[in-house]
């Protein structure tokens, strides 16, 4: 199914005529934001547009289509194949993944258990439809820097939000798994906590992440990394968005078991990331062979600088 058709099938039949013009721009479409009682917003090439009542994309807020409670409920029911209860586990995590790897973020009223664990979510009033884009070859420029004499190095990708780091990570995984000019193919384990890397639907990846790649979908990073080490014997483990001391302890354990780690972390600079207290031990032990600083260039992910384990500049 083409990307435009995948996006169009998010919506019930009676809504689809309105989305024709947007769908024609599927390759440039990044997000569709729906909020009950508010204007429908589409993000095209990092720019915000409104959807008008007659299906046009416009800069004018006046006359923009408002999302009704009825339409929001209809979209949710349609996505959940008219059995919202069957998707309760996904909904309580705050997102649904659909064919094509597109992810639908959800927000509304959270229902908590006694131990402050989320039991469910109701009165869903907000959706963020994030369009999955595969860019094969996105990691081509990076490959020479993450290998030394055919051996893969531990690498940490540093990126501000919205720079396309997950797209880059996805292509790195694919090329590490399949093999490339700089290293032979390796068994890669992916802990896809938010179902963004592989975009799995019913357990199967919707994105090409390589022939030797195994995935734990919707699994917490700390649990997933050790599960993969015990069960799948990966030569490399890939995770997105490290963010706490527990994550770093798990990363260190993976490295101690002999597997390489490819990971991402939010940050605006190398100094910003290295000053995080939970990175102290990995910094002290020079655990990562490469630190890759990303930036947005012309709406796409670009490499700003690459540093070695001693924090010396390799590129940039």
C-alpha atoms as a PDB file:
ATOM      1  CA  UNK A   1       0.000   0.000   0.000  1.00  0.00           C
ATOM      2  CA  UNK A   2       1.348   3.447  -0.923  1.00  0.00           C
ATOM      3  CA  UNK A   3       2.053   5.904   1.868  1.00  0.00           C
ATOM      4  CA  UNK A   4      -0.825   8.172   0.851  1.00  0.00           C
ATOM      5  CA  UNK A   5      -3.259   5.271   1.016  1.00  0.00           C
ATOM      6  CA  UNK A   6      -1.929   4.244   4.430  1.00  0.00           C
ATOM      7  CA  UNK A   7      -2.581   7.747   5.756  1.00  0.00           C
ATOM      8  CA  UNK A   8      -5.990   7.995   4.088  1.00  0.00           C
ATOM      9  CA  UNK A   9      -7.074   4.727   5.743  1.00  0.00           C
ATOM     10  CA  UNK A  10      -6.583   6.316   9.172  1.00  0.00           C
ATOM     11  CA  UNK A  11      -9.871   8.115   8.580  1.00  0.00           C
ATOM     12  CA  UNK A  12     -13.385   6.639   8.245  1.00  0.00           C
ATOM     13  CA  UNK A  13     -14.870   6.626   4.754  1.00  0.00           C
ATOM     14  CA  UNK A  14     -17.044   9.695   5.247  1.00  0.00           C
ATOM     15  CA  UNK A  15     -13.993  11.880   6.021  1.00  0.00           C
ATOM     16  CA  UNK A  16     -11.688  10.850   3.206  1.00  0.00           C
ATOM     17  CA  UNK A  17     -12.758  13.327   0.540  1.00  0.00           C
ATOM     18  CA  UNK A  18     -11.533  16.169   2.739  1.00  0.00           C
ATOM     19  CA  UNK A  19      -7.995  14.733   2.936  1.00  0.00           C
ATOM     20  CA  UNK A  20      -7.299  14.317  -0.777  1.00  0.00           C
ATOM     21  CA  UNK A  21      -5.032  17.359  -1.200  1.00  0.00           C
ATOM     22  CA  UNK A  22      -3.067  16.565   1.956  1.00  0.00           C
ATOM     23  CA  UNK A  23      -2.548  12.951   0.909  1.00  0.00           C
ATOM     24  CA  UNK A  24      -1.109  14.061  -2.436  1.00  0.00           C
ATOM     25  CA  UNK A  25       1.703  15.657  -0.416  1.00  0.00           C
ATOM     26  CA  UNK A  26       2.334  12.518   1.663  1.00  0.00           C
ATOM     27  CA  UNK A  27       6.088  12.587   1.048  1.00  0.00           C
ATOM     28  CA  UNK A  28       6.292  16.045   2.643  1.00  0.00           C
ATOM     29  CA  UNK A  29       3.751  15.364   5.401  1.00  0.00           C
ATOM     30  CA  UNK A  30       5.190  15.040   8.901  1.00  0.00           C
ATOM     31  CA  UNK A  31       2.303  15.397  11.334  1.00  0.00           C
ATOM     32  CA  UNK A  32      -1.466  15.808  11.529  1.00  0.00           C
ATOM     33  CA  UNK A  33      -2.619  17.354  14.814  1.00  0.00           C
ATOM     34  CA  UNK A  34      -6.201  16.880  15.922  1.00  0.00           C
ATOM     35  CA  UNK A  35      -7.704  18.543  19.013  1.00  0.00           C
ATOM     36  CA  UNK A  36     -11.410  18.531  19.854  1.00  0.00           C
ATOM     37  CA  UNK A  37     -12.866  21.997  19.339  1.00  0.00           C
ATOM     38  CA  UNK A  38      -9.709  23.310  17.689  1.00  0.00           C
ATOM     39  CA  UNK A  39      -8.437  23.783  14.154  1.00  0.00           C
ATOM     40  CA  UNK A  40      -6.975  20.791  12.302  1.00  0.00           C
ATOM     41  CA  UNK A  41      -3.256  21.439  11.762  1.00  0.00           C
ATOM     42  CA  UNK A  42      -0.963  19.682   9.290  1.00  0.00           C
ATOM     43  CA  UNK A  43       2.833  19.956   9.314  1.00  0.00           C
ATOM     44  CA  UNK A  44       4.377  19.939   5.838  1.00  0.00           C
ATOM     45  CA  UNK A  45       8.169  20.234   5.562  1.00  0.00           C
ATOM     46  CA  UNK A  46       8.374  21.685   9.091  1.00  0.00           C
ATOM     47  CA  UNK A  47       5.772  24.357   8.347  1.00  0.00           C
ATOM     48  CA  UNK A  48       2.340  24.619   9.954  1.00  0.00           C
ATOM     49  CA  UNK A  49      -0.805  24.742   7.805  1.00  0.00           C
ATOM     50  CA  UNK A  50      -4.528  24.579   8.524  1.00  0.00           C
ATOM     51  CA  UNK A  51      -6.985  22.243   6.839  1.00  0.00           C
ATOM     52  CA  UNK A  52     -10.001  24.130   5.520  1.00  0.00           C
ATOM     53  CA  UNK A  53     -13.556  22.819   5.430  1.00  0.00           C
ATOM     54  CA  UNK A  54     -13.261  22.196   1.679  1.00  0.00           C
ATOM     55  CA  UNK A  55     -10.015  20.184   2.032  1.00  0.00           C
ATOM     56  CA  UNK A  56      -7.512  22.917   1.126  1.00  0.00           C
ATOM     57  CA  UNK A  57      -4.318  23.571   3.072  1.00  0.00           C
ATOM     58  CA  UNK A  58      -4.118  27.202   4.049  1.00  0.00           C
ATOM     59  CA  UNK A  59      -2.227  29.651   6.217  1.00  0.00           C
ATOM     60  CA  UNK A  60      -5.503  31.261   7.273  1.00  0.00           C
ATOM     61  CA  UNK A  61      -6.861  30.193  10.632  1.00  0.00           C
ATOM     62  CA  UNK A  62     -10.228  31.702   9.769  1.00  0.00           C
ATOM     63  CA  UNK A  63     -12.375  29.113   8.030  1.00  0.00           C
ATOM     64  CA  UNK A  64     -10.172  26.212   9.148  1.00  0.00           C
ATOM     65  CA  UNK A  65     -11.829  22.862   9.851  1.00  0.00           C
ATOM     66  CA  UNK A  66     -12.597  22.283  13.542  1.00  0.00           C
ATOM     67  CA  UNK A  67     -12.250  18.802  14.981  1.00  0.00           C
ATOM     68  CA  UNK A  68     -15.521  17.649  16.516  1.00  0.00           C
ATOM     69  CA  UNK A  69     -15.942  15.180  19.345  1.00  0.00           C
ATOM     70  CA  UNK A  70     -17.947  12.943  17.011  1.00  0.00           C
ATOM     71  CA  UNK A  71     -15.193  12.871  14.384  1.00  0.00           C
ATOM     72  CA  UNK A  72     -12.472  12.229  16.967  1.00  0.00           C
ATOM     73  CA  UNK A  73     -14.420   9.280  18.352  1.00  0.00           C
ATOM     74  CA  UNK A  74     -15.024   7.976  14.826  1.00  0.00           C
ATOM     75  CA  UNK A  75     -11.305   8.148  13.966  1.00  0.00           C
ATOM     76  CA  UNK A  76     -10.321   6.325  17.157  1.00  0.00           C
ATOM     77  CA  UNK A  77     -12.922   3.615  16.594  1.00  0.00           C
ATOM     78  CA  UNK A  78     -11.815   3.192  12.993  1.00  0.00           C
ATOM     79  CA  UNK A  79      -8.133   2.897  13.930  1.00  0.00           C
ATOM     80  CA  UNK A  80      -9.020   0.335  16.605  1.00  0.00           C
ATOM     81  CA  UNK A  81     -11.099  -1.668  14.129  1.00  0.00           C
ATOM     82  CA  UNK A  82     -14.231  -0.781  16.126  1.00  0.00           C
ATOM     83  CA  UNK A  83     -12.975  -2.531  19.264  1.00  0.00           C
ATOM     84  CA  UNK A  84     -11.268   0.111  21.397  1.00  0.00           C
ATOM     85  CA  UNK A  85     -11.186  -2.313  24.326  1.00  0.00           C
ATOM     86  CA  UNK A  86      -8.945  -4.678  22.337  1.00  0.00           C
ATOM     87  CA  UNK A  87      -6.367  -1.883  22.012  1.00  0.00           C
ATOM     88  CA  UNK A  88      -6.410  -0.901  25.709  1.00  0.00           C
ATOM     89  CA  UNK A  89      -2.765  -1.922  26.268  1.00  0.00           C
ATOM     90  CA  UNK A  90      -1.579   0.313  23.435  1.00  0.00           C
ATOM     91  CA  UNK A  91      -3.867   3.197  24.395  1.00  0.00           C
ATOM     92  CA  UNK A  92      -2.630   3.303  27.982  1.00  0.00           C
ATOM     93  CA  UNK A  93       0.906   3.753  26.631  1.00  0.00           C
ATOM     94  CA  UNK A  94      -0.298   6.852  24.792  1.00  0.00           C
ATOM     95  CA  UNK A  95       0.106   5.739  21.191  1.00  0.00           C
ATOM     96  CA  UNK A  96      -1.050   3.354  18.487  1.00  0.00           C
ATOM     97  CA  UNK A  97       1.056   2.116  15.576  1.00  0.00           C
ATOM     98  CA  UNK A  98      -0.702   1.417  12.292  1.00  0.00           C
ATOM     99  CA  UNK A  99       0.303  -0.283   9.010  1.00  0.00           C
ATOM    100  CA  UNK A 100       3.167   1.602   7.421  1.00  0.00           C
ATOM    101  CA  UNK A 101       4.776   2.309  10.792  1.00  0.00           C
ATOM    102  CA  UNK A 102       2.886   5.577  11.296  1.00  0.00           C
ATOM    103  CA  UNK A 103       2.346   6.400  14.966  1.00  0.00           C
ATOM    104  CA  UNK A 104      -0.724   8.024  16.473  1.00  0.00           C
ATOM    105  CA  UNK A 105      -0.100   9.764  19.788  1.00  0.00           C
ATOM    106  CA  UNK A 106      -3.071  10.032  22.141  1.00  0.00           C
ATOM    107  CA  UNK A 107      -3.905  12.298  25.068  1.00  0.00           C
ATOM    108  CA  UNK A 108      -6.970  12.625  27.269  1.00  0.00           C
ATOM    109  CA  UNK A 109      -8.024  11.674  30.789  1.00  0.00           C
ATOM    110  CA  UNK A 110      -5.642   9.184  32.402  1.00  0.00           C
ATOM    111  CA  UNK A 111      -6.966   6.531  34.781  1.00  0.00           C
ATOM    112  CA  UNK A 112      -4.455   5.506  37.441  1.00  0.00           C
ATOM    113  CA  UNK A 113      -4.151   2.414  39.609  1.00  0.00           C
ATOM    114  CA  UNK A 114      -3.358   2.700  43.317  1.00  0.00           C
ATOM    115  CA  UNK A 115       0.395   2.457  42.677  1.00  0.00           C
ATOM    116  CA  UNK A 116       0.320   5.351  40.192  1.00  0.00           C
ATOM    117  CA  UNK A 117       0.587   3.017  37.204  1.00  0.00           C
ATOM    118  CA  UNK A 118      -1.557   4.026  34.239  1.00  0.00           C
ATOM    119  CA  UNK A 119      -4.469   1.602  33.881  1.00  0.00           C
ATOM    120  CA  UNK A 120      -6.225   3.194  30.941  1.00  0.00           C
ATOM    121  CA  UNK A 121      -7.077   6.427  29.148  1.00  0.00           C
ATOM    122  CA  UNK A 122     -10.533   7.769  28.363  1.00  0.00           C
ATOM    123  CA  UNK A 123     -12.111  10.885  26.859  1.00  0.00           C
ATOM    124  CA  UNK A 124      -9.350  10.988  24.253  1.00  0.00           C
ATOM    125  CA  UNK A 125      -9.429  14.550  22.955  1.00  0.00           C
ATOM    126  CA  UNK A 126      -6.071  14.928  21.232  1.00  0.00           C
ATOM    127  CA  UNK A 127      -4.240  13.032  18.501  1.00  0.00           C
ATOM    128  CA  UNK A 128      -0.879  13.565  16.892  1.00  0.00           C
ATOM    129  CA  UNK A 129      -0.535  11.479  13.733  1.00  0.00           C
ATOM    130  CA  UNK A 130       3.197  11.195  13.037  1.00  0.00           C
ATOM    131  CA  UNK A 131       4.032  10.049   9.534  1.00  0.00           C
ATOM    132  CA  UNK A 132       6.822   7.511   9.233  1.00  0.00           C
ATOM    133  CA  UNK A 133       9.425   8.283   6.563  1.00  0.00           C
ATOM    134  CA  UNK A 134      12.081   5.812   5.548  1.00  0.00           C
ATOM    135  CA  UNK A 135      15.142   7.427   3.991  1.00  0.00           C
ATOM    136  CA  UNK A 136      17.421   4.668   2.817  1.00  0.00           C
ATOM    137  CA  UNK A 137      20.976   5.924   2.604  1.00  0.00           C
ATOM    138  CA  UNK A 138      20.450   8.512   5.347  1.00  0.00           C
ATOM    139  CA  UNK A 139      23.396   7.023   7.262  1.00  0.00           C
ATOM    140  CA  UNK A 140      25.782   6.706   4.281  1.00  0.00           C
ATOM    141  CA  UNK A 141      27.955   9.646   5.304  1.00  0.00           C
ATOM    142  CA  UNK A 142      28.176   8.362   8.874  1.00  0.00           C
ATOM    143  CA  UNK A 143      29.301   4.807   8.163  1.00  0.00           C
ATOM    144  CA  UNK A 144      33.052   5.490   7.645  1.00  0.00           C
ATOM    145  CA  UNK A 145      33.231   7.039  11.117  1.00  0.00           C
ATOM    146  CA  UNK A 146      31.532   4.273  13.126  1.00  0.00           C
ATOM    147  CA  UNK A 147      33.864   1.493  11.995  1.00  0.00           C
ATOM    148  CA  UNK A 148      37.558   0.923  12.679  1.00  0.00           C
ATOM    149  CA  UNK A 149      39.248  -1.764  10.576  1.00  0.00           C
ATOM    150  CA  UNK A 150      35.924  -3.483  10.010  1.00  0.00           C
ATOM    151  CA  UNK A 151      34.857  -3.368  13.671  1.00  0.00           C
ATOM    152  CA  UNK A 152      31.742  -1.492  14.706  1.00  0.00           C
ATOM    153  CA  UNK A 153      32.229   1.118  17.435  1.00  0.00           C
ATOM    154  CA  UNK A 154      29.822   2.009  20.220  1.00  0.00           C
ATOM    155  CA  UNK A 155      28.135   5.207  19.049  1.00  0.00           C
ATOM    156  CA  UNK A 156      25.954   7.830  20.727  1.00  0.00           C
ATOM    157  CA  UNK A 157      23.860  10.138  18.535  1.00  0.00           C
ATOM    158  CA  UNK A 158      23.207  13.528  20.164  1.00  0.00           C
ATOM    159  CA  UNK A 159      20.315  15.519  18.793  1.00  0.00           C
ATOM    160  CA  UNK A 160      17.872  18.297  19.688  1.00  0.00           C
ATOM    161  CA  UNK A 161      14.221  17.237  19.345  1.00  0.00           C
ATOM    162  CA  UNK A 162      12.882  17.178  15.797  1.00  0.00           C
ATOM    163  CA  UNK A 163      16.214  16.702  14.024  1.00  0.00           C
ATOM    164  CA  UNK A 164      15.374  13.335  12.481  1.00  0.00           C
ATOM    165  CA  UNK A 165      17.616  11.223  14.693  1.00  0.00           C
ATOM    166  CA  UNK A 166      15.256   8.239  14.615  1.00  0.00           C
ATOM    167  CA  UNK A 167      15.274   8.238  10.806  1.00  0.00           C
ATOM    168  CA  UNK A 168      19.072   8.240  10.872  1.00  0.00           C
ATOM    169  CA  UNK A 169      19.208   5.539  13.560  1.00  0.00           C
ATOM    170  CA  UNK A 170      16.820   3.359  11.538  1.00  0.00           C
ATOM    171  CA  UNK A 171      19.080   3.474   8.476  1.00  0.00           C
ATOM    172  CA  UNK A 172      22.180   2.829  10.604  1.00  0.00           C
ATOM    173  CA  UNK A 173      20.515  -0.305  11.965  1.00  0.00           C
ATOM    174  CA  UNK A 174      19.583  -1.465   8.465  1.00  0.00           C
ATOM    175  CA  UNK A 175      23.086  -1.029   7.097  1.00  0.00           C
ATOM    176  CA  UNK A 176      24.806  -2.535  10.138  1.00  0.00           C
ATOM    177  CA  UNK A 177      22.461  -5.525   9.917  1.00  0.00           C
ATOM    178  CA  UNK A 178      22.748  -6.080   6.168  1.00  0.00           C
ATOM    179  CA  UNK A 179      26.447  -5.257   5.985  1.00  0.00           C
ATOM    180  CA  UNK A 180      28.109  -2.398   4.129  1.00  0.00           C
ATOM    181  CA  UNK A 181      31.413  -1.289   2.644  1.00  0.00           C
ATOM    182  CA  UNK A 182      32.976  -0.866   6.095  1.00  0.00           C
ATOM    183  CA  UNK A 183      31.801  -3.934   7.965  1.00  0.00           C
ATOM    184  CA  UNK A 184      30.099  -7.286   7.434  1.00  0.00           C
ATOM    185  CA  UNK A 185      26.482  -7.881   8.459  1.00  0.00           C
ATOM    186  CA  UNK A 186      25.791  -8.279  12.169  1.00  0.00           C
ATOM    187  CA  UNK A 187      22.950  -9.575  14.327  1.00  0.00           C
ATOM    188  CA  UNK A 188      21.278  -6.447  15.722  1.00  0.00           C
ATOM    189  CA  UNK A 189      18.801  -6.335  18.598  1.00  0.00           C
ATOM    190  CA  UNK A 190      16.462  -3.335  18.710  1.00  0.00           C
ATOM    191  CA  UNK A 191      14.533  -2.262  21.798  1.00  0.00           C
ATOM    192  CA  UNK A 192      11.773  -0.215  20.184  1.00  0.00           C
ATOM    193  CA  UNK A 193      10.119   1.243  23.268  1.00  0.00           C
ATOM    194  CA  UNK A 194       7.846   3.665  21.383  1.00  0.00           C
ATOM    195  CA  UNK A 195       7.455   1.602  18.192  1.00  0.00           C
ATOM    196  CA  UNK A 196       9.161   4.387  16.248  1.00  0.00           C
ATOM    197  CA  UNK A 197      12.280   2.682  14.920  1.00  0.00           C
ATOM    198  CA  UNK A 198      10.796  -0.389  13.268  1.00  0.00           C
ATOM    199  CA  UNK A 199       7.202   0.868  13.285  1.00  0.00           C
ATOM    200  CA  UNK A 200       5.984  -2.628  14.113  1.00  0.00           C
ATOM    201  CA  UNK A 201       2.355  -3.523  13.516  1.00  0.00           C
ATOM    202  CA  UNK A 202       1.122  -6.794  15.045  1.00  0.00           C
ATOM    203  CA  UNK A 203       4.745  -7.614  15.868  1.00  0.00           C
ATOM    204  CA  UNK A 204       6.102  -7.168  12.350  1.00  0.00           C
ATOM    205  CA  UNK A 205       8.287  -4.216  11.318  1.00  0.00           C
ATOM    206  CA  UNK A 206       6.783  -1.866   8.759  1.00  0.00           C
ATOM    207  CA  UNK A 207      10.194  -0.291   8.101  1.00  0.00           C
ATOM    208  CA  UNK A 208      13.215  -2.045   6.618  1.00  0.00           C
ATOM    209  CA  UNK A 209      15.673  -2.407   9.466  1.00  0.00           C
ATOM    210  CA  UNK A 210      17.813  -5.176   8.032  1.00  0.00           C
ATOM    211  CA  UNK A 211      17.884  -8.914   7.474  1.00  0.00           C
ATOM    212  CA  UNK A 212      19.700  -9.768  10.724  1.00  0.00           C
ATOM    213  CA  UNK A 213      17.643  -7.566  13.049  1.00  0.00           C
ATOM    214  CA  UNK A 214      15.467  -8.775  15.948  1.00  0.00           C
ATOM    215  CA  UNK A 215      12.988  -6.426  17.626  1.00  0.00           C
ATOM    216  CA  UNK A 216      11.414  -6.105  21.050  1.00  0.00           C
ATOM    217  CA  UNK A 217       8.476  -3.818  20.357  1.00  0.00           C
ATOM    218  CA  UNK A 218       6.853  -1.545  22.986  1.00  0.00           C
ATOM    219  CA  UNK A 219       9.280  -2.806  25.632  1.00  0.00           C
ATOM    220  CA  UNK A 220      11.003  -0.572  28.227  1.00  0.00           C
ATOM    221  CA  UNK A 221      14.648  -0.039  27.327  1.00  0.00           C
ATOM    222  CA  UNK A 222      16.162  -1.354  30.554  1.00  0.00           C
ATOM    223  CA  UNK A 223      14.193  -4.613  30.480  1.00  0.00           C
ATOM    224  CA  UNK A 224      14.529  -5.007  26.731  1.00  0.00           C
ATOM    225  CA  UNK A 225      18.298  -4.645  26.503  1.00  0.00           C
ATOM    226  CA  UNK A 226      18.913  -7.453  28.969  1.00  0.00           C
ATOM    227  CA  UNK A 227      16.172  -9.639  27.474  1.00  0.00           C
ATOM    228  CA  UNK A 228      17.840  -9.388  24.076  1.00  0.00           C
ATOM    229  CA  UNK A 229      21.252 -10.235  25.501  1.00  0.00           C
ATOM    230  CA  UNK A 230      19.854 -13.349  27.182  1.00  0.00           C
ATOM    231  CA  UNK A 231      17.590 -14.527  24.382  1.00  0.00           C
ATOM    232  CA  UNK A 232      18.914 -13.372  20.996  1.00  0.00           C
ATOM    233  CA  UNK A 233      22.701 -13.008  21.444  1.00  0.00           C
ATOM    234  CA  UNK A 234      22.944  -9.778  19.428  1.00  0.00           C
ATOM    235  CA  UNK A 235      26.306  -8.505  18.256  1.00  0.00           C
ATOM    236  CA  UNK A 236      24.914  -4.965  18.497  1.00  0.00           C
ATOM    237  CA  UNK A 237      22.001  -3.433  20.408  1.00  0.00           C
ATOM    238  CA  UNK A 238      20.187  -0.274  19.289  1.00  0.00           C
ATOM    239  CA  UNK A 239      17.977   1.941  21.461  1.00  0.00           C
ATOM    240  CA  UNK A 240      16.406   5.376  21.091  1.00  0.00           C
ATOM    241  CA  UNK A 241      16.380   8.251  23.592  1.00  0.00           C
ATOM    242  CA  UNK A 242      18.464   7.321  26.622  1.00  0.00           C
ATOM    243  CA  UNK A 243      17.383   9.488  29.510  1.00  0.00           C
ATOM    244  CA  UNK A 244      18.176   8.206  33.004  1.00  0.00           C
ATOM    245  CA  UNK A 245      20.711   6.406  35.142  1.00  0.00           C
ATOM    246  CA  UNK A 246      18.920   3.051  34.782  1.00  0.00           C
ATOM    247  CA  UNK A 247      19.238   3.320  30.991  1.00  0.00           C
ATOM    248  CA  UNK A 248      22.965   3.921  31.275  1.00  0.00           C
ATOM    249  CA  UNK A 249      23.481   1.001  33.647  1.00  0.00           C
ATOM    250  CA  UNK A 250      21.765  -1.268  31.142  1.00  0.00           C
ATOM    251  CA  UNK A 251      23.926   0.132  28.313  1.00  0.00           C
ATOM    252  CA  UNK A 252      27.056  -0.572  30.339  1.00  0.00           C
ATOM    253  CA  UNK A 253      25.888  -4.143  31.020  1.00  0.00           C
ATOM    254  CA  UNK A 254      25.310  -4.711  27.309  1.00  0.00           C
ATOM    255  CA  UNK A 255      28.828  -3.470  26.561  1.00  0.00           C
ATOM    256  CA  UNK A 256      30.268  -5.709  29.286  1.00  0.00           C
ATOM    257  CA  UNK A 257      28.566  -8.676  27.603  1.00  0.00           C
ATOM    258  CA  UNK A 258      30.497  -7.918  24.420  1.00  0.00           C
ATOM    259  CA  UNK A 259      27.747  -6.358  22.328  1.00  0.00           C
ATOM    260  CA  UNK A 260      28.113  -2.985  20.669  1.00  0.00           C
ATOM    261  CA  UNK A 261      25.606  -0.233  21.421  1.00  0.00           C
ATOM    262  CA  UNK A 262      24.110   2.316  19.048  1.00  0.00           C
ATOM    263  CA  UNK A 263      21.967   4.813  20.957  1.00  0.00           C
ATOM    264  CA  UNK A 264      20.489   8.301  20.809  1.00  0.00           C
ATOM    265  CA  UNK A 265      20.090  11.006  23.431  1.00  0.00           C
ATOM    266  CA  UNK A 266      18.574  14.481  23.438  1.00  0.00           C
ATOM    267  CA  UNK A 267      21.046  17.354  23.650  1.00  0.00           C
ATOM    268  CA  UNK A 268      22.117  20.571  21.958  1.00  0.00           C
ATOM    269  CA  UNK A 269      25.867  20.005  22.231  1.00  0.00           C
ATOM    270  CA  UNK A 270      28.493  17.508  23.369  1.00  0.00           C
ATOM    271  CA  UNK A 271      29.037  19.571  26.523  1.00  0.00           C
ATOM    272  CA  UNK A 272      25.319  19.592  27.263  1.00  0.00           C
ATOM    273  CA  UNK A 273      25.195  15.790  27.194  1.00  0.00           C
ATOM    274  CA  UNK A 274      28.494  15.115  28.938  1.00  0.00           C
ATOM    275  CA  UNK A 275      27.420  17.262  31.886  1.00  0.00           C
ATOM    276  CA  UNK A 276      24.526  14.925  32.635  1.00  0.00           C
ATOM    277  CA  UNK A 277      25.330  13.126  35.884  1.00  0.00           C
ATOM    278  CA  UNK A 278      24.015   9.740  34.726  1.00  0.00           C
ATOM    279  CA  UNK A 279      26.615   9.691  31.929  1.00  0.00           C
ATOM    280  CA  UNK A 280      29.567  10.070  34.289  1.00  0.00           C
ATOM    281  CA  UNK A 281      30.717   6.435  34.317  1.00  0.00           C
ATOM    282  CA  UNK A 282      30.386   5.987  30.553  1.00  0.00           C
ATOM    283  CA  UNK A 283      32.309   9.227  30.064  1.00  0.00           C
ATOM    284  CA  UNK A 284      35.008   8.200  32.542  1.00  0.00           C
ATOM    285  CA  UNK A 285      35.425   4.777  30.944  1.00  0.00           C
ATOM    286  CA  UNK A 286      35.346   6.213  27.403  1.00  0.00           C
ATOM    287  CA  UNK A 287      32.708   3.619  26.601  1.00  0.00           C
ATOM    288  CA  UNK A 288      31.477   5.201  23.377  1.00  0.00           C
ATOM    289  CA  UNK A 289      33.908   5.203  20.486  1.00  0.00           C
ATOM    290  CA  UNK A 290      31.983   7.913  18.659  1.00  0.00           C
ATOM    291  CA  UNK A 291      29.802  10.843  19.707  1.00  0.00           C
ATOM    292  CA  UNK A 292      27.768  12.140  16.764  1.00  0.00           C
ATOM    293  CA  UNK A 293      26.214  15.597  17.047  1.00  0.00           C
ATOM    294  CA  UNK A 294      23.232  16.195  14.760  1.00  0.00           C
ATOM    295  CA  UNK A 295      21.538  19.332  13.483  1.00  0.00           C
ATOM    296  CA  UNK A 296      18.691  20.166  11.138  1.00  0.00           C
ATOM    297  CA  UNK A 297      19.840  21.297   7.691  1.00  0.00           C
ATOM    298  CA  UNK A 298      17.224  22.275   5.112  1.00  0.00           C
ATOM    299  CA  UNK A 299      14.537  20.424   7.027  1.00  0.00           C
ATOM    300  CA  UNK A 300      16.584  17.201   7.152  1.00  0.00           C
ATOM    301  CA  UNK A 301      18.907  15.582   9.648  1.00  0.00           C
ATOM    302  CA  UNK A 302      22.522  16.672   9.191  1.00  0.00           C
ATOM    303  CA  UNK A 303      25.798  15.784  10.904  1.00  0.00           C
ATOM    304  CA  UNK A 304      27.277  18.785  12.681  1.00  0.00           C
ATOM    305  CA  UNK A 305      30.300  17.109  14.300  1.00  0.00           C
ATOM    306  CA  UNK A 306      31.738  13.707  15.218  1.00  0.00           C
ATOM    307  CA  UNK A 307      34.012  13.138  18.219  1.00  0.00           C
ATOM    308  CA  UNK A 308      36.093  10.105  19.202  1.00  0.00           C
ATOM    309  CA  UNK A 309      36.165   8.460  22.639  1.00  0.00           C
ATOM    310  CA  UNK A 310      38.674  11.059  23.823  1.00  0.00           C
ATOM    311  CA  UNK A 311      36.302  13.841  22.697  1.00  0.00           C
ATOM    312  CA  UNK A 312      38.610  14.868  19.874  1.00  0.00           C
ATOM    313  CA  UNK A 313      36.989  16.150  16.721  1.00  0.00           C
ATOM    314  CA  UNK A 314      36.884  13.622  13.852  1.00  0.00           C
ATOM    315  CA  UNK A 315      34.539  15.557  11.610  1.00  0.00           C
ATOM    316  CA  UNK A 316      33.014  19.033  11.494  1.00  0.00           C
END
